[in-house]
Amino acid sequence: MEATAANQVRVKSDQKIVDEYAEAIAAGAIFPPLTVFAPKNSQRYLLADGFHRLAAALKLGRKTIGVDVKEGGVHEALHYALSANVAHGMRRSVADRRNAVMLAFKDPHYDDLSLRGLSEVCRASHELVRKMKAEQNVAVNTDKVTPRPRKP
């Protein structure tokens, strides 16, 4: 399994979380499976979610870990990873959200997305994406922006 920085949205691992997860696993806790992607008929697995869980299992010397295998390659793994940990697990920091947006900027699959589209993919605020676009001097695709109806 490949656990590379290409799919790691977090800026850095939190050793305290790894230690806590390892302690819980050693005590018998069952964690959700890791989410990995593999092209059809391939044995190459790309980790998209579960970097801290994997580190905890490795710390304990575990040889196996539960995985949820989804079909896809690097882009699909990144797409999944960009929105991971929004509602569960260790919450993403501001730096993690900024890193998610930067990874999306670098992926040509997202070139045609509007600012709102990018914010939805990365689960980051529209304002953060807009600000980072401006900081990067990346051309904004304004024709793809669709206004949302205002709530009364």
Protein backbone atom coordinates (compact mmCIF):
# COMPACT_ATOMS: atom_id res chain seq x y z
CA MET A 1 0.00 0.00 0.00
CA GLU A 2 1.26 3.46 -0.86
CA ALA A 3 0.84 6.08 1.84
CA THR A 4 2.38 9.06 0.09
CA ALA A 5 2.30 12.79 0.59
CA ALA A 6 0.45 13.07 -2.73
CA ASN A 7 -2.74 11.96 -0.98
CA GLN A 8 -1.98 13.26 2.49
CA VAL A 9 -3.98 16.42 3.08
CA ARG A 10 -2.62 16.95 6.57
CA VAL A 11 0.42 19.17 6.80
CA LYS A 12 1.94 16.84 9.39
CA SER A 13 1.06 13.80 11.42
CA ASP A 14 0.20 14.26 15.08
CA GLN A 15 2.28 11.79 17.11
CA LYS A 16 0.02 12.28 20.13
CA ILE A 17 -2.97 11.08 18.08
CA VAL A 18 -0.95 8.13 16.74
CA ASP A 19 -0.02 7.18 20.32
CA GLU A 20 -3.64 7.52 21.49
CA TYR A 21 -4.89 5.39 18.60
CA ALA A 22 -2.19 2.76 19.25
CA GLU A 23 -3.15 2.60 22.92
CA ALA A 24 -6.82 2.22 22.03
CA ILE A 25 -6.11 -0.48 19.42
CA ALA A 26 -3.94 -2.38 21.93
CA ALA A 27 -6.84 -2.20 24.40
CA GLY A 28 -9.17 -3.77 21.83
CA ALA A 29 -10.80 -0.76 20.18
CA ILE A 30 -12.05 -1.32 16.66
CA PHE A 31 -11.42 1.59 14.31
CA PRO A 32 -13.06 2.13 10.93
CA PRO A 33 -11.15 0.59 8.03
CA LEU A 34 -8.67 2.66 6.06
CA THR A 35 -9.94 3.93 2.72
CA VAL A 36 -7.74 2.93 -0.19
CA PHE A 37 -8.09 3.18 -3.95
CA ALA A 38 -6.84 0.72 -6.56
CA PRO A 39 -7.19 0.72 -10.32
CA LYS A 40 -9.25 -2.20 -11.63
CA ASN A 41 -7.31 -5.49 -11.50
CA SER A 42 -4.39 -3.85 -9.69
CA GLN A 43 -2.61 -4.73 -6.47
CA ARG A 44 -1.42 -1.11 -6.05
CA TYR A 45 -3.37 0.47 -3.21
CA LEU A 46 -3.32 4.22 -2.62
CA LEU A 47 -4.18 5.38 0.90
CA ALA A 48 -6.79 8.15 0.90
CA ASP A 49 -7.96 8.19 4.53
CA GLY A 50 -6.50 6.69 7.68
CA PHE A 51 -2.88 7.85 7.86
CA HIS A 52 -2.97 8.14 11.67
CA ARG A 53 -4.71 4.75 12.04
CA LEU A 54 -2.10 3.15 9.79
CA ALA A 55 0.75 4.75 11.77
CA ALA A 56 -0.80 3.45 15.00
CA ALA A 57 -1.10 -0.10 13.64
CA LEU A 58 2.49 0.01 12.38
CA LYS A 59 3.66 1.29 15.77
CA LEU A 60 2.10 -1.81 17.32
CA GLY A 61 3.78 -4.05 14.75
CA ARG A 62 0.49 -5.12 13.18
CA LYS A 63 0.86 -6.93 9.87
CA THR A 64 -2.75 -6.49 8.78
CA ILE A 65 -5.38 -3.76 9.00
CA GLY A 66 -8.91 -3.43 7.73
CA VAL A 67 -9.34 -1.55 4.47
CA ASP A 68 -12.24 -0.38 2.35
CA VAL A 69 -11.05 -0.74 -1.25
CA LYS A 70 -12.55 1.60 -3.80
CA GLU A 71 -11.89 1.50 -7.52
CA GLY A 72 -9.76 4.36 -8.81
CA GLY A 73 -6.32 5.80 -9.20
CA VAL A 74 -4.35 8.76 -7.93
CA HIS A 75 -6.99 11.37 -8.81
CA GLU A 76 -9.83 9.44 -7.14
CA ALA A 77 -7.72 8.88 -4.02
CA LEU A 78 -6.87 12.58 -3.86
CA HIS A 79 -10.49 13.57 -4.47
CA TYR A 80 -11.56 11.44 -1.51
CA ALA A 81 -8.71 12.67 0.68
CA LEU A 82 -9.51 16.34 0.04
CA SER A 83 -12.70 16.08 2.07
CA ALA A 84 -11.65 13.44 4.60
CA ASN A 85 -11.93 14.19 8.33
CA VAL A 86 -14.51 16.93 7.93
CA ALA A 87 -17.05 15.23 10.20
CA HIS A 88 -15.04 12.54 12.02
CA GLY A 89 -11.59 11.69 13.29
CA MET A 90 -9.01 14.33 14.07
CA ARG A 91 -10.43 17.61 12.75
CA ARG A 92 -8.51 19.43 10.05
CA SER A 93 -6.54 22.51 11.04
CA VAL A 94 -6.51 25.73 9.04
CA ALA A 95 -3.14 24.63 7.63
CA ASP A 96 -4.69 21.28 6.61
CA ARG A 97 -7.57 23.04 4.83
CA ARG A 98 -5.10 25.35 3.06
CA ASN A 99 -3.04 22.31 2.02
CA ALA A 100 -6.17 20.63 0.62
CA VAL A 101 -6.87 23.70 -1.51
CA MET A 102 -3.24 23.83 -2.72
CA LEU A 103 -3.38 20.15 -3.71
CA ALA A 104 -6.57 20.83 -5.67
CA PHE A 105 -4.94 23.82 -7.41
CA LYS A 106 -2.11 21.53 -8.56
CA ASP A 107 -4.40 18.81 -9.94
CA PRO A 108 -5.40 19.52 -13.57
CA HIS A 109 -8.68 17.65 -13.03
CA TYR A 110 -9.91 20.68 -11.06
CA ASP A 111 -8.83 23.38 -13.54
CA ASP A 112 -12.38 24.01 -14.76
CA LEU A 113 -14.01 24.15 -11.34
CA SER A 114 -15.37 27.40 -10.01
CA LEU A 115 -14.31 28.77 -6.66
CA ARG A 116 -17.49 27.34 -5.13
CA GLY A 117 -16.81 24.00 -6.78
CA LEU A 118 -13.30 23.91 -5.34
CA SER A 119 -14.57 24.89 -1.90
CA GLU A 120 -17.11 22.04 -2.03
CA VAL A 121 -14.51 19.49 -3.14
CA CYS A 122 -12.03 20.57 -0.45
CA ARG A 123 -14.70 21.21 2.20
CA ALA A 124 -13.12 24.60 2.80
CA SER A 125 -14.82 27.98 2.89
CA HIS A 126 -15.41 29.82 -0.36
CA GLU A 127 -13.56 32.79 1.14
CA LEU A 128 -10.45 30.69 1.86
CA VAL A 129 -10.41 29.33 -1.70
CA ARG A 130 -10.95 32.83 -3.17
CA LYS A 131 -8.16 34.28 -1.04
CA MET A 132 -5.75 31.48 -1.92
CA LYS A 133 -6.58 31.81 -5.64
CA ALA A 134 -5.71 35.50 -5.43
CA GLU A 135 -2.49 34.74 -3.51
CA GLN A 136 -1.43 32.26 -6.17
CA ASN A 137 -2.35 34.58 -9.06
CA VAL A 138 -4.31 31.71 -10.54
CA ALA A 139 -6.87 32.76 -13.12
CA VAL A 140 -10.38 32.60 -11.72
CA ASN A 141 -12.92 30.87 -13.92
CA THR A 142 -15.80 33.30 -13.28
CA ASP A 143 -18.09 31.91 -15.99
CA LYS A 144 -18.56 28.71 -13.97
CA VAL A 145 -19.65 30.47 -10.77
CA THR A 146 -23.32 29.97 -10.14
CA PRO A 147 -24.95 32.21 -7.56
CA ARG A 148 -26.78 30.48 -4.75
CA PRO A 149 -30.25 31.69 -3.81
CA ARG A 150 -30.31 33.77 -0.66
CA LYS A 151 -32.26 32.45 2.27
CA PRO A 152 -35.15 34.69 3.35
